[in-house]
Amino acid sequence: MAADVEVQRAALNRLKRARGQLDGVIRMVEEGRECEPTITQLAAVSKALDRAGFMIISASVRECLDSPDEVAREESLARLEKAFLSLA
């Protein structure tokens, strides 16, 4: 359970950082800033969101693999695979 709390805390930190970065990108666009630095910051936001998603899915996969119910485990893994691929 402690690992889940740590994953949640780390994912939330990444999401909050991404929110701040996105606010910065919005300001850059509103101010008509140059394209290259704006795109660089937008890429950083995208990467932060992806990493948060991968952290959450990874924790879910670990939890799922610990399940003693094989049928439920297979169903959960199929749903998690779909979620994982949606981030690609």
PDB file of N, CA and C in Angstrom:
ATOM      1  N   MET A   1       0.816  -1.201   0.000  1.00  0.00           N
ATOM      2  CA  MET A   1       0.000   0.000   0.000  1.00  0.00           C
ATOM      3  C   MET A   1       0.861   1.267   0.000  1.00  0.00           C
ATOM      4  N   ALA A   2       1.979   1.237   0.714  1.00  0.00           N
ATOM      5  CA  ALA A   2       2.859   2.404   0.768  1.00  0.00           C
ATOM      6  C   ALA A   2       3.400   2.753  -0.613  1.00  0.00           C
ATOM      7  N   ALA A   3       3.694   1.731  -1.412  1.00  0.00           N
ATOM      8  CA  ALA A   3       4.197   1.978  -2.765  1.00  0.00           C
ATOM      9  C   ALA A   3       3.146   2.692  -3.596  1.00  0.00           C
ATOM     10  N   ASP A   4       1.878   2.307  -3.433  1.00  0.00           N
ATOM     11  CA  ASP A   4       0.802   2.962  -4.173  1.00  0.00           C
ATOM     12  C   ASP A   4       0.693   4.437  -3.802  1.00  0.00           C
ATOM     13  N   VAL A   5       0.862   4.737  -2.535  1.00  0.00           N
ATOM     14  CA  VAL A   5       0.811   6.123  -2.074  1.00  0.00           C
ATOM     15  C   VAL A   5       1.970   6.909  -2.677  1.00  0.00           C
ATOM     16  N   GLU A   6       3.135   6.299  -2.729  1.00  0.00           N
ATOM     17  CA  GLU A   6       4.305   6.961  -3.312  1.00  0.00           C
ATOM     18  C   GLU A   6       4.112   7.195  -4.811  1.00  0.00           C
ATOM     19  N   VAL A   7       3.557   6.206  -5.510  1.00  0.00           N
ATOM     20  CA  VAL A   7       3.301   6.359  -6.942  1.00  0.00           C
ATOM     21  C   VAL A   7       2.286   7.471  -7.162  1.00  0.00           C
ATOM     22  N   GLN A   8       1.231   7.476  -6.356  1.00  0.00           N
ATOM     23  CA  GLN A   8       0.208   8.516  -6.480  1.00  0.00           C
ATOM     24  C   GLN A   8       0.815   9.895  -6.241  1.00  0.00           C
ATOM     25  N   ARG A   9       1.636  10.002  -5.206  1.00  0.00           N
ATOM     26  CA  ARG A   9       2.270  11.292  -4.888  1.00  0.00           C
ATOM     27  C   ARG A   9       3.179  11.740  -6.034  1.00  0.00           C
ATOM     28  N   ALA A  10       3.977  10.809  -6.569  1.00  0.00           N
ATOM     29  CA  ALA A  10       4.882  11.151  -7.668  1.00  0.00           C
ATOM     30  C   ALA A  10       4.097  11.540  -8.921  1.00  0.00           C
ATOM     31  N   ALA A  11       3.030  10.802  -9.216  1.00  0.00           N
ATOM     32  CA  ALA A  11       2.212  11.118 -10.392  1.00  0.00           C
ATOM     33  C   ALA A  11       1.553  12.485 -10.233  1.00  0.00           C
ATOM     34  N   LEU A  12       1.032  12.765  -9.049  1.00  0.00           N
ATOM     35  CA  LEU A  12       0.421  14.078  -8.806  1.00  0.00           C
ATOM     36  C   LEU A  12       1.440  15.198  -8.953  1.00  0.00           C
ATOM     37  N   ASN A  13       2.645  14.990  -8.453  1.00  0.00           N
ATOM     38  CA  ASN A  13       3.687  16.009  -8.606  1.00  0.00           C
ATOM     39  C   ASN A  13       3.976  16.273 -10.077  1.00  0.00           C
ATOM     40  N   ARG A  14       4.072  15.201 -10.868  1.00  0.00           N
ATOM     41  CA  ARG A  14       4.311  15.372 -12.307  1.00  0.00           C
ATOM     42  C   ARG A  14       3.156  16.113 -12.970  1.00  0.00           C
ATOM     43  N   LEU A  15       1.931  15.761 -12.598  1.00  0.00           N
ATOM     44  CA  LEU A  15       0.767  16.413 -13.194  1.00  0.00           C
ATOM     45  C   LEU A  15       0.701  17.891 -12.824  1.00  0.00           C
ATOM     46  N   LYS A  16       1.015  18.213 -11.590  1.00  0.00           N
ATOM     47  CA  LYS A  16       1.014  19.609 -11.170  1.00  0.00           C
ATOM     48  C   LYS A  16       2.111  20.395 -11.880  1.00  0.00           C
ATOM     49  N   ARG A  17       3.269  19.765 -12.057  1.00  0.00           N
ATOM     50  CA  ARG A  17       4.358  20.411 -12.795  1.00  0.00           C
ATOM     51  C   ARG A  17       3.928  20.642 -14.246  1.00  0.00           C
ATOM     52  N   ALA A  18       3.264  19.655 -14.828  1.00  0.00           N
ATOM     53  CA  ALA A  18       2.792  19.786 -16.213  1.00  0.00           C
ATOM     54  C   ALA A  18       1.761  20.906 -16.328  1.00  0.00           C
ATOM     55  N   ARG A  19       0.898  21.024 -15.318  1.00  0.00           N
ATOM     56  CA  ARG A  19      -0.100  22.098 -15.328  1.00  0.00           C
ATOM     57  C   ARG A  19       0.592  23.455 -15.334  1.00  0.00           C
ATOM     58  N   GLY A  20       1.632  23.593 -14.523  1.00  0.00           N
ATOM     59  CA  GLY A  20       2.389  24.842 -14.503  1.00  0.00           C
ATOM     60  C   GLY A  20       3.072  25.113 -15.831  1.00  0.00           C
ATOM     61  N   GLN A  21       3.635  24.062 -16.414  1.00  0.00           N
ATOM     62  CA  GLN A  21       4.281  24.221 -17.721  1.00  0.00           C
ATOM     63  C   GLN A  21       3.250  24.608 -18.781  1.00  0.00           C
ATOM     64  N   LEU A  22       2.066  24.001 -18.725  1.00  0.00           N
ATOM     65  CA  LEU A  22       1.026  24.318 -19.701  1.00  0.00           C
ATOM     66  C   LEU A  22       0.571  25.764 -19.557  1.00  0.00           C
ATOM     67  N   ASP A  23       0.451  26.232 -18.319  1.00  0.00           N
ATOM     68  CA  ASP A  23       0.122  27.645 -18.107  1.00  0.00           C
ATOM     69  C   ASP A  23       1.173  28.539 -18.758  1.00  0.00           C
ATOM     70  N   GLY A  24       2.440  28.132 -18.650  1.00  0.00           N
ATOM     71  CA  GLY A  24       3.518  28.889 -19.286  1.00  0.00           C
ATOM     72  C   GLY A  24       3.406  28.879 -20.803  1.00  0.00           C
ATOM     73  N   VAL A  25       3.056  27.744 -21.372  1.00  0.00           N
ATOM     74  CA  VAL A  25       2.898  27.644 -22.830  1.00  0.00           C
ATOM     75  C   VAL A  25       1.746  28.540 -23.282  1.00  0.00           C
ATOM     76  N   ILE A  26       0.651  28.529 -22.534  1.00  0.00           N
ATOM     77  CA  ILE A  26      -0.497  29.382 -22.885  1.00  0.00           C
ATOM     78  C   ILE A  26      -0.079  30.847 -22.886  1.00  0.00           C
ATOM     79  N   ARG A  27       0.674  31.258 -21.868  1.00  0.00           N
ATOM     80  CA  ARG A  27       1.162  32.647 -21.815  1.00  0.00           C
ATOM     81  C   ARG A  27       2.054  32.950 -23.016  1.00  0.00           C
ATOM     82  N   MET A  28       2.912  31.982 -23.361  1.00  0.00           N
ATOM     83  CA  MET A  28       3.817  32.193 -24.499  1.00  0.00           C
ATOM     84  C   MET A  28       3.026  32.411 -25.788  1.00  0.00           C
ATOM     85  N   VAL A  29       1.975  31.636 -25.982  1.00  0.00           N
ATOM     86  CA  VAL A  29       1.152  31.783 -27.191  1.00  0.00           C
ATOM     87  C   VAL A  29       0.413  33.118 -27.152  1.00  0.00           C
ATOM     88  N   GLU A  30      -0.157  33.452 -26.003  1.00  0.00           N
ATOM     89  CA  GLU A  30      -0.889  34.717 -25.873  1.00  0.00           C
ATOM     90  C   GLU A  30       0.019  35.916 -26.124  1.00  0.00           C
ATOM     91  N   GLU A  31       1.274  35.801 -25.728  1.00  0.00           N
ATOM     92  CA  GLU A  31       2.226  36.898 -25.906  1.00  0.00           C
ATOM     93  C   GLU A  31       2.877  36.893 -27.283  1.00  0.00           C
ATOM     94  N   GLY A  32       2.569  35.880 -28.087  1.00  0.00           N
ATOM     95  CA  GLY A  32       3.143  35.805 -29.422  1.00  0.00           C
ATOM     96  C   GLY A  32       4.630  35.493 -29.416  1.00  0.00           C
ATOM     97  N   ARG A  33       5.068  34.712 -28.426  1.00  0.00           N
ATOM     98  CA  ARG A  33       6.489  34.371 -28.320  1.00  0.00           C
ATOM     99  C   ARG A  33       6.921  33.520 -29.505  1.00  0.00           C
ATOM    100  N   GLU A  34       8.215  33.390 -29.667  1.00  0.00           N
ATOM    101  CA  GLU A  34       8.779  32.632 -30.786  1.00  0.00           C
ATOM    102  C   GLU A  34       8.337  31.174 -30.741  1.00  0.00           C
ATOM    103  N   CYS A  35       8.293  30.591 -31.919  1.00  0.00           N
ATOM    104  CA  CYS A  35       7.781  29.230 -32.089  1.00  0.00           C
ATOM    105  C   CYS A  35       8.638  28.181 -31.385  1.00  0.00           C
ATOM    106  N   GLU A  36       9.935  28.216 -31.596  1.00  0.00           N
ATOM    107  CA  GLU A  36      10.799  27.135 -31.095  1.00  0.00           C
ATOM    108  C   GLU A  36      10.735  26.958 -29.578  1.00  0.00           C
ATOM    109  N   PRO A  37      10.906  28.019 -28.782  1.00  0.00           N
ATOM    110  CA  PRO A  37      10.806  27.818 -27.335  1.00  0.00           C
ATOM    111  C   PRO A  37       9.405  27.402 -26.884  1.00  0.00           C
ATOM    112  N   THR A  38       8.393  27.872 -27.587  1.00  0.00           N
ATOM    113  CA  THR A  38       7.019  27.490 -27.257  1.00  0.00           C
ATOM    114  C   THR A  38       6.815  25.995 -27.491  1.00  0.00           C
ATOM    115  N   ILE A  39       7.278  25.505 -28.634  1.00  0.00           N
ATOM    116  CA  ILE A  39       7.149  24.085 -28.960  1.00  0.00           C
ATOM    117  C   ILE A  39       7.976  23.237 -27.993  1.00  0.00           C
ATOM    118  N   THR A  40       9.152  23.736 -27.604  1.00  0.00           N
ATOM    119  CA  THR A  40       9.985  23.013 -26.640  1.00  0.00           C
ATOM    120  C   THR A  40       9.240  22.838 -25.322  1.00  0.00           C
ATOM    121  N   GLN A  41       8.607  23.896 -24.849  1.00  0.00           N
ATOM    122  CA  GLN A  41       7.844  23.813 -23.603  1.00  0.00           C
ATOM    123  C   GLN A  41       6.618  22.918 -23.751  1.00  0.00           C
ATOM    124  N   LEU A  42       5.980  22.970 -24.898  1.00  0.00           N
ATOM    125  CA  LEU A  42       4.822  22.116 -25.156  1.00  0.00           C
ATOM    126  C   LEU A  42       5.240  20.644 -25.157  1.00  0.00           C
ATOM    127  N   ALA A  43       6.390  20.351 -25.708  1.00  0.00           N
ATOM    128  CA  ALA A  43       6.907  18.978 -25.699  1.00  0.00           C
ATOM    129  C   ALA A  43       7.188  18.523 -24.267  1.00  0.00           C
ATOM    130  N   ALA A  44       7.680  19.422 -23.435  1.00  0.00           N
ATOM    131  CA  ALA A  44       7.943  19.082 -22.032  1.00  0.00           C
ATOM    132  C   ALA A  44       6.642  18.753 -21.299  1.00  0.00           C
ATOM    133  N   VAL A  45       5.588  19.505 -21.594  1.00  0.00           N
ATOM    134  CA  VAL A  45       4.275  19.227 -20.996  1.00  0.00           C
ATOM    135  C   VAL A  45       3.799  17.846 -21.418  1.00  0.00           C
ATOM    136  N   SER A  46       3.908  17.572 -22.693  1.00  0.00           N
ATOM    137  CA  SER A  46       3.464  16.283 -23.220  1.00  0.00           C
ATOM    138  C   SER A  46       4.221  15.129 -22.573  1.00  0.00           C
ATOM    139  N   LYS A  47       5.520  15.276 -22.438  1.00  0.00           N
ATOM    140  CA  LYS A  47       6.342  14.228 -21.833  1.00  0.00           C
ATOM    141  C   LYS A  47       5.982  14.026 -20.364  1.00  0.00           C
ATOM    142  N   ALA A  48       5.736  15.110 -19.645  1.00  0.00           N
ATOM    143  CA  ALA A  48       5.357  15.006 -18.227  1.00  0.00           C
ATOM    144  C   ALA A  48       4.030  14.273 -18.076  1.00  0.00           C
ATOM    145  N   LEU A  49       3.080  14.565 -18.946  1.00  0.00           N
ATOM    146  CA  LEU A  49       1.790  13.875 -18.894  1.00  0.00           C
ATOM    147  C   LEU A  49       1.951  12.396 -19.215  1.00  0.00           C
ATOM    148  N   ASP A  50       2.746  12.093 -20.239  1.00  0.00           N
ATOM    149  CA  ASP A  50       2.987  10.693 -20.595  1.00  0.00           C
ATOM    150  C   ASP A  50       3.626   9.939 -19.440  1.00  0.00           C
ATOM    151  N   ARG A  51       4.617  10.530 -18.818  1.00  0.00           N
ATOM    152  CA  ARG A  51       5.300   9.856 -17.709  1.00  0.00           C
ATOM    153  C   ARG A  51       4.363   9.615 -16.535  1.00  0.00           C
ATOM    154  N   ALA A  52       3.506  10.569 -16.252  1.00  0.00           N
ATOM    155  CA  ALA A  52       2.523  10.378 -15.169  1.00  0.00           C
ATOM    156  C   ALA A  52       1.597   9.218 -15.516  1.00  0.00           C
ATOM    157  N   GLY A  53       1.146   9.166 -16.748  1.00  0.00           N
ATOM    158  CA  GLY A  53       0.278   8.074 -17.180  1.00  0.00           C
ATOM    159  C   GLY A  53       0.978   6.730 -17.091  1.00  0.00           C
ATOM    160  N   PHE A  54       2.224   6.676 -17.526  1.00  0.00           N
ATOM    161  CA  PHE A  54       2.976   5.423 -17.469  1.00  0.00           C
ATOM    162  C   PHE A  54       3.225   4.982 -16.028  1.00  0.00           C
ATOM    163  N   MET A  55       3.452   5.936 -15.138  1.00  0.00           N
ATOM    164  CA  MET A  55       3.642   5.594 -13.726  1.00  0.00           C
ATOM    165  C   MET A  55       2.384   4.954 -13.158  1.00  0.00           C
ATOM    166  N   ILE A  56       1.238   5.532 -13.476  1.00  0.00           N
ATOM    167  CA  ILE A  56      -0.036   5.025 -12.966  1.00  0.00           C
ATOM    168  C   ILE A  56      -0.319   3.639 -13.532  1.00  0.00           C
ATOM    169  N   ILE A  57      -0.104   3.465 -14.831  1.00  0.00           N
ATOM    170  CA  ILE A  57      -0.336   2.157 -15.447  1.00  0.00           C
ATOM    171  C   ILE A  57       0.626   1.120 -14.887  1.00  0.00           C
ATOM    172  N   SER A  58       1.874   1.479 -14.713  1.00  0.00           N
ATOM    173  CA  SER A  58       2.861   0.549 -14.177  1.00  0.00           C
ATOM    174  C   SER A  58       2.458   0.062 -12.792  1.00  0.00           C
ATOM    175  N   ALA A  59       2.017   0.970 -11.951  1.00  0.00           N
ATOM    176  CA  ALA A  59       1.583   0.592 -10.601  1.00  0.00           C
ATOM    177  C   ALA A  59       0.367  -0.331 -10.680  1.00  0.00           C
ATOM    178  N   SER A  60      -0.532  -0.040 -11.603  1.00  0.00           N
ATOM    179  CA  SER A  60      -1.721  -0.881 -11.764  1.00  0.00           C
ATOM    180  C   SER A  60      -1.360  -2.269 -12.253  1.00  0.00           C
ATOM    181  N   VAL A  61      -0.398  -2.357 -13.152  1.00  0.00           N
ATOM    182  CA  VAL A  61       0.037  -3.668 -13.652  1.00  0.00           C
ATOM    183  C   VAL A  61       0.642  -4.481 -12.506  1.00  0.00           C
ATOM    184  N   ARG A  62       1.482  -3.857 -11.699  1.00  0.00           N
ATOM    185  CA  ARG A  62       2.076  -4.575 -10.559  1.00  0.00           C
ATOM    186  C   ARG A  62       0.994  -5.077  -9.615  1.00  0.00           C
ATOM    187  N   GLU A  63       0.016  -4.234  -9.351  1.00  0.00           N
ATOM    188  CA  GLU A  63      -1.088  -4.628  -8.466  1.00  0.00           C
ATOM    189  C   GLU A  63      -1.891  -5.772  -9.086  1.00  0.00           C
ATOM    190  N   CYS A  64      -2.139  -5.670 -10.368  1.00  0.00           N
ATOM    191  CA  CYS A  64      -2.906  -6.687 -11.078  1.00  0.00           C
ATOM    192  C   CYS A  64      -2.190  -8.040 -11.055  1.00  0.00           C
ATOM    193  N   LEU A  65      -0.890  -8.029 -11.238  1.00  0.00           N
ATOM    194  CA  LEU A  65      -0.132  -9.277 -11.266  1.00  0.00           C
ATOM    195  C   LEU A  65      -0.129  -9.985  -9.910  1.00  0.00           C
ATOM    196  N   ASP A  66      -0.376  -9.238  -8.858  1.00  0.00           N
ATOM    197  CA  ASP A  66      -0.443  -9.825  -7.522  1.00  0.00           C
ATOM    198  C   ASP A  66      -1.796 -10.474  -7.239  1.00  0.00           C
ATOM    199  N   SER A  67      -2.766 -10.279  -8.131  1.00  0.00           N
ATOM    200  CA  SER A  67      -4.108 -10.823  -7.923  1.00  0.00           C
ATOM    201  C   SER A  67      -4.101 -12.348  -8.010  1.00  0.00           C
ATOM    202  N   PRO A  68      -4.711 -13.018  -7.035  1.00  0.00           N
ATOM    203  CA  PRO A  68      -4.756 -14.485  -7.084  1.00  0.00           C
ATOM    204  C   PRO A  68      -5.795 -15.012  -8.081  1.00  0.00           C
ATOM    205  N   ASP A  69      -6.745 -14.185  -8.490  1.00  0.00           N
ATOM    206  CA  ASP A  69      -7.802 -14.595  -9.416  1.00  0.00           C
ATOM    207  C   ASP A  69      -7.308 -14.442 -10.854  1.00  0.00           C
ATOM    208  N   GLU A  70      -7.027 -15.562 -11.500  1.00  0.00           N
ATOM    209  CA  GLU A  70      -6.430 -15.534 -12.838  1.00  0.00           C
ATOM    210  C   GLU A  70      -7.340 -14.887 -13.872  1.00  0.00           C
ATOM    211  N   VAL A  71      -8.639 -15.157 -13.823  1.00  0.00           N
ATOM    212  CA  VAL A  71      -9.577 -14.576 -14.793  1.00  0.00           C
ATOM    213  C   VAL A  71      -9.624 -13.059 -14.630  1.00  0.00           C
ATOM    214  N   ALA A  72      -9.754 -12.617 -13.396  1.00  0.00           N
ATOM    215  CA  ALA A  72      -9.784 -11.172 -13.141  1.00  0.00           C
ATOM    216  C   ALA A  72      -8.469 -10.527 -13.556  1.00  0.00           C
ATOM    217  N   ARG A  73      -7.359 -11.231 -13.305  1.00  0.00           N
ATOM    218  CA  ARG A  73      -6.040 -10.706 -13.670  1.00  0.00           C
ATOM    219  C   ARG A  73      -5.952 -10.515 -15.177  1.00  0.00           C
ATOM    220  N   GLU A  74      -6.396 -11.504 -15.947  1.00  0.00           N
ATOM    221  CA  GLU A  74      -6.339 -11.411 -17.410  1.00  0.00           C
ATOM    222  C   GLU A  74      -7.214 -10.279 -17.934  1.00  0.00           C
ATOM    223  N   GLU A  75      -8.399 -10.124 -17.362  1.00  0.00           N
ATOM    224  CA  GLU A  75      -9.292  -9.037 -17.782  1.00  0.00           C
ATOM    225  C   GLU A  75      -8.671  -7.682 -17.457  1.00  0.00           C
ATOM    226  N   SER A  76      -8.091  -7.580 -16.277  1.00  0.00           N
ATOM    227  CA  SER A  76      -7.449  -6.322 -15.878  1.00  0.00           C
ATOM    228  C   SER A  76      -6.251  -6.012 -16.769  1.00  0.00           C
ATOM    229  N   LEU A  77      -5.457  -7.015 -17.071  1.00  0.00           N
ATOM    230  CA  LEU A  77      -4.295  -6.797 -17.941  1.00  0.00           C
ATOM    231  C   LEU A  77      -4.725  -6.338 -19.328  1.00  0.00           C
ATOM    232  N   ALA A  78      -5.821  -6.890 -19.836  1.00  0.00           N
ATOM    233  CA  ALA A  78      -6.323  -6.470 -21.156  1.00  0.00           C
ATOM    234  C   ALA A  78      -6.742  -5.004 -21.125  1.00  0.00           C
ATOM    235  N   ARG A  79      -7.426  -4.586 -20.058  1.00  0.00           N
ATOM    236  CA  ARG A  79      -7.839  -3.177 -19.936  1.00  0.00           C
ATOM    237  C   ARG A  79      -6.621  -2.267 -19.795  1.00  0.00           C
ATOM    238  N   LEU A  80      -5.639  -2.714 -19.010  1.00  0.00           N
ATOM    239  CA  LEU A  80      -4.432  -1.908 -18.817  1.00  0.00           C
ATOM    240  C   LEU A  80      -3.620  -1.803 -20.098  1.00  0.00           C
ATOM    241  N   GLU A  81      -3.593  -2.864 -20.872  1.00  0.00           N
ATOM    242  CA  GLU A  81      -2.891  -2.815 -22.160  1.00  0.00           C
ATOM    243  C   GLU A  81      -3.534  -1.787 -23.066  1.00  0.00           C
ATOM    244  N   LYS A  82      -4.871  -1.763 -23.092  1.00  0.00           N
ATOM    245  CA  LYS A  82      -5.570  -0.769 -23.907  1.00  0.00           C
ATOM    246  C   LYS A  82      -5.256   0.651 -23.433  1.00  0.00           C
ATOM    247  N   ALA A  83      -5.237   0.841 -22.121  1.00  0.00           N
ATOM    248  CA  ALA A  83      -4.906   2.160 -21.564  1.00  0.00           C
ATOM    249  C   ALA A  83      -3.469   2.544 -21.915  1.00  0.00           C
ATOM    250  N   PHE A  84      -2.562   1.589 -21.792  1.00  0.00           N
ATOM    251  CA  PHE A  84      -1.159   1.844 -22.113  1.00  0.00           C
ATOM    252  C   PHE A  84      -1.012   2.268 -23.573  1.00  0.00           C
ATOM    253  N   LEU A  85      -1.680   1.557 -24.466  1.00  0.00           N
ATOM    254  CA  LEU A  85      -1.565   1.868 -25.893  1.00  0.00           C
ATOM    255  C   LEU A  85      -2.206   3.208 -26.234  1.00  0.00           C
ATOM    256  N   SER A  86      -3.173   3.645 -25.430  1.00  0.00           N
ATOM    257  CA  SER A  86      -3.792   4.940 -25.699  1.00  0.00           C
ATOM    258  C   SER A  86      -2.806   6.079 -25.441  1.00  0.00           C
ATOM    259  N   LEU A  87      -1.760   5.828 -24.664  1.00  0.00           N
ATOM    260  CA  LEU A  87      -0.740   6.850 -24.419  1.00  0.00           C
ATOM    261  C   LEU A  87       0.291   6.948 -25.540  1.00  0.00           C
ATOM    262  N   ALA A  88       0.300   5.943 -26.400  1.00  0.00           N
ATOM    263  CA  ALA A  88       1.303   5.903 -27.479  1.00  0.00           C
ATOM    264  C   ALA A  88       0.925   6.845 -28.604  1.00  0.00           C
TER     265      ALA A  88
END
